[in-house]
Protein backbone atom coordinates (compact mmCIF):
# COMPACT_ATOMS: atom_id res chain seq x y z
CA MET A 1 -44.55 11.23 -136.50
CA ALA A 2 -45.03 14.15 -134.04
CA ASN A 3 -43.10 17.36 -134.80
CA GLU A 4 -40.57 18.96 -132.40
CA HIS A 5 -43.07 21.34 -130.83
CA ASP A 6 -45.53 18.53 -129.90
CA THR A 7 -42.77 16.69 -128.19
CA ASP A 8 -41.67 19.81 -126.30
CA HIS A 9 -45.19 20.48 -125.33
CA ILE A 10 -45.62 17.05 -123.87
CA LEU A 11 -42.25 17.45 -121.97
CA CYS A 12 -43.38 20.74 -120.67
CA GLU A 13 -46.58 19.23 -119.33
CA SER A 14 -44.95 16.38 -117.40
CA GLU A 15 -42.19 18.79 -116.13
CA MET A 16 -44.81 21.22 -114.80
CA ASN A 17 -46.70 18.34 -113.10
CA ASP A 18 -43.42 17.23 -111.51
CA VAL A 19 -42.96 20.87 -110.11
CA ASP A 20 -46.54 20.84 -108.89
CA HIS A 21 -45.79 17.70 -106.96
CA MET A 22 -42.58 19.18 -105.53
CA ILE A 23 -44.49 22.30 -104.40
CA MET A 24 -47.06 20.15 -102.63
CA LYS A 25 -44.37 18.32 -100.75
CA GLY A 26 -42.11 21.23 -100.05
CA GLU A 27 -42.14 21.87 -96.36
CA ASP A 28 -39.42 24.57 -96.32
CA GLN A 29 -41.22 27.83 -97.21
CA ARG A 30 -38.11 29.27 -99.05
CA GLU A 31 -37.85 26.04 -101.06
CA LYS A 32 -41.49 26.33 -101.88
CA VAL A 33 -41.01 29.93 -103.18
CA SER A 34 -38.16 29.02 -105.40
CA LEU A 35 -40.12 26.06 -106.74
CA ILE A 36 -42.96 28.43 -107.60
CA GLU A 37 -40.52 30.65 -109.36
CA ILE A 38 -39.18 27.68 -111.47
CA HIS A 39 -42.86 26.74 -112.14
CA ARG A 40 -43.51 30.20 -113.41
CA SER A 41 -40.54 30.29 -115.71
CA LYS A 42 -41.38 26.88 -117.05
CA THR A 43 -45.01 28.03 -117.58
CA LEU A 44 -43.65 30.92 -119.67
CA SER A 45 -41.39 28.78 -121.76
CA CYS A 46 -44.12 26.19 -122.20
CA SER A 47 -46.72 28.90 -123.34
CA PHE A 48 -44.57 29.14 -126.57
CA PHE A 49 -45.62 25.70 -127.54
CA LYS A 50 -49.37 26.17 -127.07
């Protein structure tokens, strides 16, 4: 059985991929910037599980 950190890491990976897709589709520049900010904060929190 996977421990908590493994599950969190997998969750992080898929969440970050979702954000990547949203950034690609984001047509509004301001929306894109906020998504990139979200992505950065997710990357920071995800790095704890690596």
